[in-house]
Each structure stands twice: as C-alpha cells, then as structure tokens.
C-alpha cells in the first residue's frame, strides 16, 4: 500500500509520555497500536528540547523495551538523510520544548515540506 493512501492521524499529548516515566507505557502502547503493525518504525524528533540527551535516552529506554524499531533525528550533530527516515517511519513522535525554535530549525532543513 502506498503511504499516501494510508489513513493518518495525530495523537496529541500534553505533558506526559516517556519523558515523565519510561516505566509507564500506556500512551506509548496506544500510539504503536494505531499502526496495526507488529514492530512499527517510530521516529523521534527531539528538536524542541534542543536535543536534550537525557530526553533522547528516556525515549530509547521506553521504546527500546516495546515492540517497535525506535530511531531519532539529530539536526544539531550531523546531517540526517531526512527522506529515508521519514519515509520509513510509521510513527513520528515530536518531543516537547521550545516550539518556535523547533519550527525555525525544521524550516531550515525543509522538514515542513516533507
């Protein structure tokens, strides 16, 4: 099935999720279950937190223990191959933080038009 034919949805979380307690994964399980895949690819964008390493570590601690394939994009430390990562992702998890700064970085990398 072509990804453009797949139903897409947004799951908005206001405070909570793996960043708070990686041992409680009800929200994360719900998100993964929405893909209807046994081991979905989940892509984390920690841009709004200025790619805080402890936040990224919590992400991998949480999703690494679940039935999925976690990865993340770092815009500050290397040049990512965006098309491949986004095309492979079943879930794109946008982390919290400074939204204005995040959007500026995304525009620079043209994430907003992918």
PDB file of N, CA and C in Angstrom:
ATOM      1  N   UNK A   1       0.842  -1.180   0.000  1.00  0.00           N
ATOM      2  CA  UNK A   1       0.000   0.000   0.000  1.00  0.00           C
ATOM      3  C   UNK A   1       0.884   1.239   0.000  1.00  0.00           C
ATOM      4  N   UNK A   2       0.578   2.172  -0.827  1.00  0.00           N
ATOM      5  CA  UNK A   2       1.285   3.437  -0.909  1.00  0.00           C
ATOM      6  C   UNK A   2       1.004   4.249   0.348  1.00  0.00           C
ATOM      7  N   UNK A   3       2.055   4.861   0.925  1.00  0.00           N
ATOM      8  CA  UNK A   3       1.860   5.640   2.161  1.00  0.00           C
ATOM      9  C   UNK A   3       0.868   6.768   1.976  1.00  0.00           C
ATOM     10  N   UNK A   4       0.737   7.299   0.777  1.00  0.00           N
ATOM     11  CA  UNK A   4      -0.205   8.397   0.563  1.00  0.00           C
ATOM     12  C   UNK A   4      -1.650   7.919   0.658  1.00  0.00           C
ATOM     13  N   UNK A   5      -1.876   6.600   0.570  1.00  0.00           N
ATOM     14  CA  UNK A   5      -3.221   6.053   0.679  1.00  0.00           C
ATOM     15  C   UNK A   5      -3.574   5.620   2.101  1.00  0.00           C
ATOM     16  N   UNK A   6      -2.639   5.720   3.003  1.00  0.00           N
ATOM     17  CA  UNK A   6      -2.851   5.281   4.374  1.00  0.00           C
ATOM     18  C   UNK A   6      -3.537   6.387   5.165  1.00  0.00           C
ATOM     19  N   UNK A   7      -4.515   5.986   5.985  1.00  0.00           N
ATOM     20  CA  UNK A   7      -5.128   6.955   6.885  1.00  0.00           C
ATOM     21  C   UNK A   7      -4.077   7.435   7.873  1.00  0.00           C
ATOM     22  N   UNK A   8      -4.055   8.730   8.094  1.00  0.00           N
ATOM     23  CA  UNK A   8      -3.104   9.307   9.036  1.00  0.00           C
ATOM     24  C   UNK A   8      -3.862   9.959  10.164  1.00  0.00           C
ATOM     25  N   UNK A   9      -3.245  10.011  11.311  1.00  0.00           N
ATOM     26  CA  UNK A   9      -3.884  10.644  12.452  1.00  0.00           C
ATOM     27  C   UNK A   9      -2.833  11.308  13.322  1.00  0.00           C
ATOM     28  N   UNK A  10      -3.287  12.250  14.108  1.00  0.00           N
ATOM     29  CA  UNK A  10      -2.436  12.929  15.078  1.00  0.00           C
ATOM     30  C   UNK A  10      -2.904  12.527  16.467  1.00  0.00           C
ATOM     31  N   UNK A  11      -1.967  12.095  17.281  1.00  0.00           N
ATOM     32  CA  UNK A  11      -2.245  11.818  18.684  1.00  0.00           C
ATOM     33  C   UNK A  11      -1.497  12.892  19.465  1.00  0.00           C
ATOM     34  N   UNK A  12      -2.230  13.813  20.061  1.00  0.00           N
ATOM     35  CA  UNK A  12      -1.610  14.920  20.795  1.00  0.00           C
ATOM     36  C   UNK A  12      -1.548  14.591  22.279  1.00  0.00           C
ATOM     37  N   UNK A  13      -0.378  14.799  22.857  1.00  0.00           N
ATOM     38  CA  UNK A  13      -0.157  14.537  24.277  1.00  0.00           C
ATOM     39  C   UNK A  13       0.335  15.832  24.905  1.00  0.00           C
ATOM     40  N   UNK A  14      -0.316  16.267  25.940  1.00  0.00           N
ATOM     41  CA  UNK A  14       0.115  17.474  26.638  1.00  0.00           C
ATOM     42  C   UNK A  14       0.749  17.127  27.967  1.00  0.00           C
ATOM     43  N   UNK A  15       2.053  17.051  28.008  1.00  0.00           N
ATOM     44  CA  UNK A  15       2.742  16.705  29.244  1.00  0.00           C
ATOM     45  C   UNK A  15       2.502  15.258  29.618  1.00  0.00           C
ATOM     46  N   UNK A  16       3.505  14.483  29.629  1.00  0.00           N
ATOM     47  CA  UNK A  16       3.359  13.065  29.930  1.00  0.00           C
ATOM     48  C   UNK A  16       4.136  12.254  28.927  1.00  0.00           C
ATOM     49  N   UNK A  17       3.836  11.013  28.834  1.00  0.00           N
ATOM     50  CA  UNK A  17       4.562  10.161  27.914  1.00  0.00           C
ATOM     51  C   UNK A  17       5.912   9.756  28.482  1.00  0.00           C
ATOM     52  N   UNK A  18       6.750   9.199  27.653  1.00  0.00           N
ATOM     53  CA  UNK A  18       8.009   8.608  28.098  1.00  0.00           C
ATOM     54  C   UNK A  18       8.929   9.595  28.800  1.00  0.00           C
ATOM     55  N   UNK A  19       8.819  10.858  28.493  1.00  0.00           N
ATOM     56  CA  UNK A  19       9.672  11.852  29.116  1.00  0.00           C
ATOM     57  C   UNK A  19       9.460  11.969  30.606  1.00  0.00           C
ATOM     58  N   UNK A  20       8.278  11.586  31.072  1.00  0.00           N
ATOM     59  CA  UNK A  20       7.966  11.656  32.506  1.00  0.00           C
ATOM     60  C   UNK A  20       8.374  10.390  33.246  1.00  0.00           C
ATOM     61  N   UNK A  21       7.998   9.249  32.720  1.00  0.00           N
ATOM     62  CA  UNK A  21       8.297   7.992  33.402  1.00  0.00           C
ATOM     63  C   UNK A  21       8.352   6.871  32.377  1.00  0.00           C
ATOM     64  N   UNK A  22       9.563   6.466  31.986  1.00  0.00           N
ATOM     65  CA  UNK A  22       9.679   5.446  30.942  1.00  0.00           C
ATOM     66  C   UNK A  22       9.128   4.080  31.323  1.00  0.00           C
ATOM     67  N   UNK A  23       8.764   3.882  32.588  1.00  0.00           N
ATOM     68  CA  UNK A  23       8.220   2.591  33.013  1.00  0.00           C
ATOM     69  C   UNK A  23       6.718   2.486  32.787  1.00  0.00           C
ATOM     70  N   UNK A  24       6.040   3.601  32.624  1.00  0.00           N
ATOM     71  CA  UNK A  24       4.595   3.600  32.374  1.00  0.00           C
ATOM     72  C   UNK A  24       4.370   3.891  30.893  1.00  0.00           C
ATOM     73  N   UNK A  25       3.918   2.882  30.161  1.00  0.00           N
ATOM     74  CA  UNK A  25       3.916   2.975  28.701  1.00  0.00           C
ATOM     75  C   UNK A  25       2.530   2.857  28.073  1.00  0.00           C
ATOM     76  N   UNK A  26       1.476   3.175  28.808  1.00  0.00           N
ATOM     77  CA  UNK A  26       0.132   3.041  28.232  1.00  0.00           C
ATOM     78  C   UNK A  26      -0.056   3.940  27.018  1.00  0.00           C
ATOM     79  N   UNK A  27       0.389   5.172  27.108  1.00  0.00           N
ATOM     80  CA  UNK A  27       0.252   6.099  25.977  1.00  0.00           C
ATOM     81  C   UNK A  27       1.083   5.612  24.796  1.00  0.00           C
ATOM     82  N   UNK A  28       2.305   5.196  25.075  1.00  0.00           N
ATOM     83  CA  UNK A  28       3.192   4.731  24.006  1.00  0.00           C
ATOM     84  C   UNK A  28       2.629   3.482  23.328  1.00  0.00           C
ATOM     85  N   UNK A  29       2.098   2.554  24.120  1.00  0.00           N
ATOM     86  CA  UNK A  29       1.479   1.351  23.549  1.00  0.00           C
ATOM     87  C   UNK A  29       0.296   1.723  22.666  1.00  0.00           C
ATOM     88  N   UNK A  30      -0.504   2.670  23.122  1.00  0.00           N
ATOM     89  CA  UNK A  30      -1.643   3.123  22.324  1.00  0.00           C
ATOM     90  C   UNK A  30      -1.165   3.663  20.978  1.00  0.00           C
ATOM     91  N   UNK A  31      -0.148   4.505  21.001  1.00  0.00           N
ATOM     92  CA  UNK A  31       0.379   5.093  19.764  1.00  0.00           C
ATOM     93  C   UNK A  31       0.875   3.999  18.825  1.00  0.00           C
ATOM     94  N   UNK A  32       1.650   3.066  19.337  1.00  0.00           N
ATOM     95  CA  UNK A  32       2.169   1.982  18.496  1.00  0.00           C
ATOM     96  C   UNK A  32       1.046   1.114  17.945  1.00  0.00           C
ATOM     97  N   UNK A  33       0.025   0.864  18.744  1.00  0.00           N
ATOM     98  CA  UNK A  33      -1.101   0.036  18.295  1.00  0.00           C
ATOM     99  C   UNK A  33      -1.868   0.669  17.143  1.00  0.00           C
ATOM    100  N   UNK A  34      -1.826   1.990  17.029  1.00  0.00           N
ATOM    101  CA  UNK A  34      -2.544   2.666  15.951  1.00  0.00           C
ATOM    102  C   UNK A  34      -1.968   2.335  14.577  1.00  0.00           C
ATOM    103  N   UNK A  35      -0.747   1.826  14.526  1.00  0.00           N
ATOM    104  CA  UNK A  35      -0.127   1.490  13.241  1.00  0.00           C
ATOM    105  C   UNK A  35      -0.612   0.155  12.689  1.00  0.00           C
ATOM    106  N   UNK A  36      -1.168  -0.690  13.552  1.00  0.00           N
ATOM    107  CA  UNK A  36      -1.575  -2.046  13.153  1.00  0.00           C
ATOM    108  C   UNK A  36      -0.406  -2.860  12.599  1.00  0.00           C
ATOM    109  N   UNK A  37       0.792  -2.592  13.090  1.00  0.00           N
ATOM    110  CA  UNK A  37       1.976  -3.348  12.674  1.00  0.00           C
ATOM    111  C   UNK A  37       2.571  -4.038  13.891  1.00  0.00           C
ATOM    112  N   UNK A  38       3.217  -5.188  13.644  1.00  0.00           N
ATOM    113  CA  UNK A  38       3.827  -5.937  14.738  1.00  0.00           C
ATOM    114  C   UNK A  38       5.009  -5.202  15.355  1.00  0.00           C
ATOM    115  N   UNK A  39       5.812  -4.568  14.530  1.00  0.00           N
ATOM    116  CA  UNK A  39       7.017  -3.877  15.002  1.00  0.00           C
ATOM    117  C   UNK A  39       7.202  -2.594  14.192  1.00  0.00           C
ATOM    118  N   UNK A  40       6.399  -1.572  14.488  1.00  0.00           N
ATOM    119  CA  UNK A  40       6.451  -0.340  13.699  1.00  0.00           C
ATOM    120  C   UNK A  40       7.743   0.453  13.920  1.00  0.00           C
ATOM    121  N   UNK A  41       8.116   1.194  12.905  1.00  0.00           N
ATOM    122  CA  UNK A  41       9.233   2.137  12.995  1.00  0.00           C
ATOM    123  C   UNK A  41       8.707   3.418  13.632  1.00  0.00           C
ATOM    124  N   UNK A  42       9.369   3.860  14.700  1.00  0.00           N
ATOM    125  CA  UNK A  42       8.975   5.109  15.352  1.00  0.00           C
ATOM    126  C   UNK A  42      10.162   6.068  15.320  1.00  0.00           C
ATOM    127  N   UNK A  43       9.908   7.251  14.821  1.00  0.00           N
ATOM    128  CA  UNK A  43      10.939   8.267  14.639  1.00  0.00           C
ATOM    129  C   UNK A  43      10.693   9.412  15.616  1.00  0.00           C
ATOM    130  N   UNK A  44      11.673   9.692  16.456  1.00  0.00           N
ATOM    131  CA  UNK A  44      11.569  10.742  17.471  1.00  0.00           C
ATOM    132  C   UNK A  44      12.265  12.005  16.981  1.00  0.00           C
ATOM    133  N   UNK A  45      11.570  13.138  17.106  1.00  0.00           N
ATOM    134  CA  UNK A  45      12.144  14.442  16.770  1.00  0.00           C
ATOM    135  C   UNK A  45      12.284  15.246  18.069  1.00  0.00           C
ATOM    136  N   UNK A  46      13.478  15.249  18.675  1.00  0.00           N
ATOM    137  CA  UNK A  46      13.686  15.952  19.937  1.00  0.00           C
ATOM    138  C   UNK A  46      14.127  17.404  19.758  1.00  0.00           C
ATOM    139  N   UNK A  47      13.843  17.981  18.618  1.00  0.00           N
ATOM    140  CA  UNK A  47      14.336  19.312  18.261  1.00  0.00           C
ATOM    141  C   UNK A  47      13.928  20.385  19.258  1.00  0.00           C
ATOM    142  N   UNK A  48      12.689  20.369  19.707  1.00  0.00           N
ATOM    143  CA  UNK A  48      12.182  21.430  20.587  1.00  0.00           C
ATOM    144  C   UNK A  48      12.892  21.462  21.935  1.00  0.00           C
ATOM    145  N   UNK A  49      13.496  20.354  22.333  1.00  0.00           N
ATOM    146  CA  UNK A  49      14.237  20.303  23.597  1.00  0.00           C
ATOM    147  C   UNK A  49      15.714  20.614  23.378  1.00  0.00           C
ATOM    148  N   UNK A  50      16.049  21.119  22.194  1.00  0.00           N
ATOM    149  CA  UNK A  50      17.450  21.334  21.804  1.00  0.00           C
ATOM    150  C   UNK A  50      18.210  20.008  21.859  1.00  0.00           C
ATOM    151  N   UNK A  51      17.476  18.935  21.552  1.00  0.00           N
ATOM    152  CA  UNK A  51      18.025  17.582  21.509  1.00  0.00           C
ATOM    153  C   UNK A  51      18.695  17.196  22.826  1.00  0.00           C
ATOM    154  N   UNK A  52      17.985  17.466  23.907  1.00  0.00           N
ATOM    155  CA  UNK A  52      18.458  17.128  25.245  1.00  0.00           C
ATOM    156  C   UNK A  52      18.753  15.632  25.324  1.00  0.00           C
ATOM    157  N   UNK A  53      19.984  15.285  25.673  1.00  0.00           N
ATOM    158  CA  UNK A  53      20.405  13.887  25.647  1.00  0.00           C
ATOM    159  C   UNK A  53      19.632  13.019  26.632  1.00  0.00           C
ATOM    160  N   UNK A  54      19.288  13.543  27.804  1.00  0.00           N
ATOM    161  CA  UNK A  54      18.530  12.724  28.755  1.00  0.00           C
ATOM    162  C   UNK A  54      17.133  12.417  28.227  1.00  0.00           C
ATOM    163  N   UNK A  55      16.558  13.351  27.477  1.00  0.00           N
ATOM    164  CA  UNK A  55      15.249  13.139  26.850  1.00  0.00           C
ATOM    165  C   UNK A  55      15.350  12.042  25.788  1.00  0.00           C
ATOM    166  N   UNK A  56      16.401  12.099  24.990  1.00  0.00           N
ATOM    167  CA  UNK A  56      16.633  11.072  23.965  1.00  0.00           C
ATOM    168  C   UNK A  56      16.875   9.715  24.631  1.00  0.00           C
ATOM    169  N   UNK A  57      17.654   9.708  25.705  1.00  0.00           N
ATOM    170  CA  UNK A  57      17.909   8.457  26.435  1.00  0.00           C
ATOM    171  C   UNK A  57      16.612   7.864  26.986  1.00  0.00           C
ATOM    172  N   UNK A  58      15.748   8.715  27.545  1.00  0.00           N
ATOM    173  CA  UNK A  58      14.448   8.236  28.045  1.00  0.00           C
ATOM    174  C   UNK A  58      13.615   7.637  26.920  1.00  0.00           C
ATOM    175  N   UNK A  59      13.664   8.258  25.754  1.00  0.00           N
ATOM    176  CA  UNK A  59      12.944   7.745  24.586  1.00  0.00           C
ATOM    177  C   UNK A  59      13.402   6.319  24.273  1.00  0.00           C
ATOM    178  N   UNK A  60      14.716   6.127  24.184  1.00  0.00           N
ATOM    179  CA  UNK A  60      15.231   4.793  23.868  1.00  0.00           C
ATOM    180  C   UNK A  60      14.992   3.801  25.008  1.00  0.00           C
ATOM    181  N   UNK A  61      15.063   4.256  26.251  1.00  0.00           N
ATOM    182  CA  UNK A  61      14.750   3.371  27.383  1.00  0.00           C
ATOM    183  C   UNK A  61      13.317   2.876  27.291  1.00  0.00           C
ATOM    184  N   UNK A  62      12.414   3.766  26.947  1.00  0.00           N
ATOM    185  CA  UNK A  62      10.997   3.416  26.868  1.00  0.00           C
ATOM    186  C   UNK A  62      10.697   2.586  25.624  1.00  0.00           C
ATOM    187  N   UNK A  63      10.937   3.152  24.453  1.00  0.00           N
ATOM    188  CA  UNK A  63      10.544   2.477  23.218  1.00  0.00           C
ATOM    189  C   UNK A  63      11.436   1.284  22.892  1.00  0.00           C
ATOM    190  N   UNK A  64      12.655   1.269  23.412  1.00  0.00           N
ATOM    191  CA  UNK A  64      13.525   0.114  23.212  1.00  0.00           C
ATOM    192  C   UNK A  64      12.998  -1.133  23.891  1.00  0.00           C
ATOM    193  N   UNK A  65      12.157  -0.955  24.898  1.00  0.00           N
ATOM    194  CA  UNK A  65      11.578  -2.099  25.608  1.00  0.00           C
ATOM    195  C   UNK A  65      10.233  -2.529  25.022  1.00  0.00           C
ATOM    196  N   UNK A  66       9.748  -1.801  24.032  1.00  0.00           N
ATOM    197  CA  UNK A  66       8.459  -2.114  23.411  1.00  0.00           C
ATOM    198  C   UNK A  66       8.682  -2.765  22.048  1.00  0.00           C
ATOM    199  N   UNK A  67       7.636  -3.293  21.484  1.00  0.00           N
ATOM    200  CA  UNK A  67       7.727  -3.970  20.194  1.00  0.00           C
ATOM    201  C   UNK A  67       7.698  -2.940  19.066  1.00  0.00           C
ATOM    202  N   UNK A  68       8.855  -2.324  18.827  1.00  0.00           N
ATOM    203  CA  UNK A  68       8.970  -1.319  17.768  1.00  0.00           C
ATOM    204  C   UNK A  68      10.438  -1.143  17.414  1.00  0.00           C
ATOM    205  N   UNK A  69      10.682  -0.348  16.386  1.00  0.00           N
ATOM    206  CA  UNK A  69      12.041  -0.029  15.948  1.00  0.00           C
ATOM    207  C   UNK A  69      12.250   1.474  16.125  1.00  0.00           C
ATOM    208  N   UNK A  70      12.822   1.887  17.271  1.00  0.00           N
ATOM    209  CA  UNK A  70      12.987   3.317  17.528  1.00  0.00           C
ATOM    210  C   UNK A  70      14.215   3.907  16.843  1.00  0.00           C
ATOM    211  N   UNK A  71      14.077   5.156  16.416  1.00  0.00           N
ATOM    212  CA  UNK A  71      15.194   5.939  15.888  1.00  0.00           C
ATOM    213  C   UNK A  71      14.888   7.404  16.176  1.00  0.00           C
ATOM    214  N   UNK A  72      15.860   8.258  15.947  1.00  0.00           N
ATOM    215  CA  UNK A  72      15.627   9.687  16.128  1.00  0.00           C
ATOM    216  C   UNK A  72      16.448  10.470  15.112  1.00  0.00           C
ATOM    217  N   UNK A  73      16.075  11.715  14.954  1.00  0.00           N
ATOM    218  CA  UNK A  73      16.813  12.615  14.068  1.00  0.00           C
ATOM    219  C   UNK A  73      17.485  13.674  14.920  1.00  0.00           C
ATOM    220  N   UNK A  74      18.776  13.862  14.674  1.00  0.00           N
ATOM    221  CA  UNK A  74      19.532  14.929  15.315  1.00  0.00           C
ATOM    222  C   UNK A  74      19.915  15.945  14.243  1.00  0.00           C
ATOM    223  N   UNK A  75      19.372  17.134  14.351  1.00  0.00           N
ATOM    224  CA  UNK A  75      19.696  18.185  13.393  1.00  0.00           C
ATOM    225  C   UNK A  75      20.954  18.946  13.793  1.00  0.00           C
ATOM    226  N   UNK A  76      21.372  18.837  15.053  1.00  0.00           N
ATOM    227  CA  UNK A  76      22.478  19.640  15.553  1.00  0.00           C
ATOM    228  C   UNK A  76      23.834  18.950  15.463  1.00  0.00           C
ATOM    229  N   UNK A  77      23.883  17.637  15.420  1.00  0.00           N
ATOM    230  CA  UNK A  77      25.176  16.960  15.466  1.00  0.00           C
ATOM    231  C   UNK A  77      25.605  16.309  14.151  1.00  0.00           C
ATOM    232  N   UNK A  78      24.684  16.149  13.223  1.00  0.00           N
ATOM    233  CA  UNK A  78      25.049  15.532  11.939  1.00  0.00           C
ATOM    234  C   UNK A  78      24.011  15.913  10.895  1.00  0.00           C
ATOM    235  N   UNK A  79      24.329  15.633   9.656  1.00  0.00           N
ATOM    236  CA  UNK A  79      23.378  15.904   8.582  1.00  0.00           C
ATOM    237  C   UNK A  79      22.539  14.654   8.345  1.00  0.00           C
ATOM    238  N   UNK A  80      21.277  14.691   8.714  1.00  0.00           N
ATOM    239  CA  UNK A  80      20.441  13.495   8.553  1.00  0.00           C
ATOM    240  C   UNK A  80      19.966  13.302   7.116  1.00  0.00           C
ATOM    241  N   UNK A  81      19.665  12.074   6.783  1.00  0.00           N
ATOM    242  CA  UNK A  81      19.033  11.752   5.497  1.00  0.00           C
ATOM    243  C   UNK A  81      17.532  11.721   5.745  1.00  0.00           C
ATOM    244  N   UNK A  82      16.929  12.870   5.594  1.00  0.00           N
ATOM    245  CA  UNK A  82      15.545  13.044   6.022  1.00  0.00           C
ATOM    246  C   UNK A  82      14.549  12.195   5.263  1.00  0.00           C
ATOM    247  N   UNK A  83      14.625  12.184   3.946  1.00  0.00           N
ATOM    248  CA  UNK A  83      13.616  11.457   3.172  1.00  0.00           C
ATOM    249  C   UNK A  83      13.537   9.996   3.571  1.00  0.00           C
ATOM    250  N   UNK A  84      14.667   9.337   3.698  1.00  0.00           N
ATOM    251  CA  UNK A  84      14.668   7.927   4.061  1.00  0.00           C
ATOM    252  C   UNK A  84      14.080   7.679   5.435  1.00  0.00           C
ATOM    253  N   UNK A  85      14.447   8.522   6.402  1.00  0.00           N
ATOM    254  CA  UNK A  85      13.940   8.344   7.762  1.00  0.00           C
ATOM    255  C   UNK A  85      12.444   8.601   7.851  1.00  0.00           C
ATOM    256  N   UNK A  86      11.990   9.659   7.211  1.00  0.00           N
ATOM    257  CA  UNK A  86      10.562   9.971   7.262  1.00  0.00           C
ATOM    258  C   UNK A  86       9.743   8.951   6.481  1.00  0.00           C
ATOM    259  N   UNK A  87      10.251   8.501   5.339  1.00  0.00           N
ATOM    260  CA  UNK A  87       9.505   7.532   4.533  1.00  0.00           C
ATOM    261  C   UNK A  87       9.368   6.189   5.240  1.00  0.00           C
ATOM    262  N   UNK A  88      10.351   5.828   6.033  1.00  0.00           N
ATOM    263  CA  UNK A  88      10.330   4.547   6.743  1.00  0.00           C
ATOM    264  C   UNK A  88       9.464   4.595   8.004  1.00  0.00           C
ATOM    265  N   UNK A  89       9.233   5.788   8.536  1.00  0.00           N
ATOM    266  CA  UNK A  89       8.546   5.930   9.825  1.00  0.00           C
ATOM    267  C   UNK A  89       7.058   5.605   9.735  1.00  0.00           C
ATOM    268  N   UNK A  90       6.596   4.780  10.668  1.00  0.00           N
ATOM    269  CA  UNK A  90       5.166   4.532  10.839  1.00  0.00           C
ATOM    270  C   UNK A  90       4.584   5.520  11.843  1.00  0.00           C
ATOM    271  N   UNK A  91       5.436   5.974  12.761  1.00  0.00           N
ATOM    272  CA  UNK A  91       5.051   6.954  13.779  1.00  0.00           C
ATOM    273  C   UNK A  91       6.133   8.026  13.812  1.00  0.00           C
ATOM    274  N   UNK A  92       5.719   9.274  13.841  1.00  0.00           N
ATOM    275  CA  UNK A  92       6.643  10.387  14.061  1.00  0.00           C
ATOM    276  C   UNK A  92       6.255  11.008  15.392  1.00  0.00           C
ATOM    277  N   UNK A  93       7.151  10.918  16.355  1.00  0.00           N
ATOM    278  CA  UNK A  93       6.899  11.393  17.717  1.00  0.00           C
ATOM    279  C   UNK A  93       7.663  12.698  17.899  1.00  0.00           C
ATOM    280  N   UNK A  94       6.939  13.792  18.018  1.00  0.00           N
ATOM    281  CA  UNK A  94       7.541  15.116  18.177  1.00  0.00           C
ATOM    282  C   UNK A  94       7.613  15.434  19.665  1.00  0.00           C
ATOM    283  N   UNK A  95       8.814  15.607  20.170  1.00  0.00           N
ATOM    284  CA  UNK A  95       9.007  15.916  21.579  1.00  0.00           C
ATOM    285  C   UNK A  95       8.694  17.364  21.901  1.00  0.00           C
ATOM    286  N   UNK A  96       8.462  17.618  23.173  1.00  0.00           N
ATOM    287  CA  UNK A  96       8.106  18.958  23.626  1.00  0.00           C
ATOM    288  C   UNK A  96       9.309  19.844  23.882  1.00  0.00           C
ATOM    289  N   UNK A  97       9.005  21.127  24.079  1.00  0.00           N
ATOM    290  CA  UNK A  97      10.052  22.105  24.357  1.00  0.00           C
ATOM    291  C   UNK A  97       9.713  23.442  23.734  1.00  0.00           C
ATOM    292  N   UNK A  98      10.694  24.067  23.123  1.00  0.00           N
ATOM    293  CA  UNK A  98      10.536  25.379  22.516  1.00  0.00           C
ATOM    294  C   UNK A  98      10.041  25.225  21.076  1.00  0.00           C
ATOM    295  N   UNK A  99       8.754  25.413  20.883  1.00  0.00           N
ATOM    296  CA  UNK A  99       8.137  25.207  19.569  1.00  0.00           C
ATOM    297  C   UNK A  99       8.669  26.183  18.533  1.00  0.00           C
ATOM    298  N   UNK A 100       8.847  27.431  18.903  1.00  0.00           N
ATOM    299  CA  UNK A 100       9.328  28.445  17.957  1.00  0.00           C
ATOM    300  C   UNK A 100      10.714  28.079  17.413  1.00  0.00           C
ATOM    301  N   UNK A 101      11.606  27.674  18.289  1.00  0.00           N
ATOM    302  CA  UNK A 101      12.945  27.272  17.854  1.00  0.00           C
ATOM    303  C   UNK A 101      12.895  26.009  17.002  1.00  0.00           C
ATOM    304  N   UNK A 102      12.054  25.059  17.405  1.00  0.00           N
ATOM    305  CA  UNK A 102      11.908  23.822  16.649  1.00  0.00           C
ATOM    306  C   UNK A 102      11.468  24.111  15.218  1.00  0.00           C
ATOM    307  N   UNK A 103      10.452  24.958  15.073  1.00  0.00           N
ATOM    308  CA  UNK A 103       9.942  25.272  13.739  1.00  0.00           C
ATOM    309  C   UNK A 103      10.989  25.981  12.892  1.00  0.00           C
ATOM    310  N   UNK A 104      11.799  26.835  13.497  1.00  0.00           N
ATOM    311  CA  UNK A 104      12.861  27.518  12.751  1.00  0.00           C
ATOM    312  C   UNK A 104      13.878  26.509  12.210  1.00  0.00           C
ATOM    313  N   UNK A 105      14.264  25.547  13.043  1.00  0.00           N
ATOM    314  CA  UNK A 105      15.201  24.506  12.603  1.00  0.00           C
ATOM    315  C   UNK A 105      14.567  23.664  11.504  1.00  0.00           C
ATOM    316  N   UNK A 106      13.327  23.261  11.698  1.00  0.00           N
ATOM    317  CA  UNK A 106      12.647  22.438  10.693  1.00  0.00           C
ATOM    318  C   UNK A 106      12.538  23.160   9.363  1.00  0.00           C
ATOM    319  N   UNK A 107      12.240  24.448   9.392  1.00  0.00           N
ATOM    320  CA  UNK A 107      12.149  25.203   8.133  1.00  0.00           C
ATOM    321  C   UNK A 107      13.505  25.248   7.436  1.00  0.00           C
ATOM    322  N   UNK A 108      14.554  25.435   8.205  1.00  0.00           N
ATOM    323  CA  UNK A 108      15.904  25.472   7.638  1.00  0.00           C
ATOM    324  C   UNK A 108      16.240  24.150   6.947  1.00  0.00           C
ATOM    325  N   UNK A 109      15.819  23.046   7.543  1.00  0.00           N
ATOM    326  CA  UNK A 109      16.073  21.713   6.985  1.00  0.00           C
ATOM    327  C   UNK A 109      14.957  21.265   6.033  1.00  0.00           C
ATOM    328  N   UNK A 110      13.958  22.110   5.844  1.00  0.00           N
ATOM    329  CA  UNK A 110      12.824  21.845   4.945  1.00  0.00           C
ATOM    330  C   UNK A 110      11.962  20.665   5.400  1.00  0.00           C
ATOM    331  N   UNK A 111      11.941  20.418   6.697  1.00  0.00           N
ATOM    332  CA  UNK A 111      11.079  19.377   7.260  1.00  0.00           C
ATOM    333  C   UNK A 111       9.622  19.742   7.044  1.00  0.00           C
ATOM    334  N   UNK A 112       9.328  21.031   7.054  1.00  0.00           N
ATOM    335  CA  UNK A 112       7.938  21.486   6.918  1.00  0.00           C
ATOM    336  C   UNK A 112       7.333  21.174   5.556  1.00  0.00           C
ATOM    337  N   UNK A 113       8.157  20.817   4.567  1.00  0.00           N
ATOM    338  CA  UNK A 113       7.601  20.495   3.243  1.00  0.00           C
ATOM    339  C   UNK A 113       7.744  19.016   2.884  1.00  0.00           C
ATOM    340  N   UNK A 114       8.262  18.224   3.808  1.00  0.00           N
ATOM    341  CA  UNK A 114       8.383  16.776   3.529  1.00  0.00           C
ATOM    342  C   UNK A 114       7.032  16.116   3.528  1.00  0.00           C
TER     343      UNK A 114
END
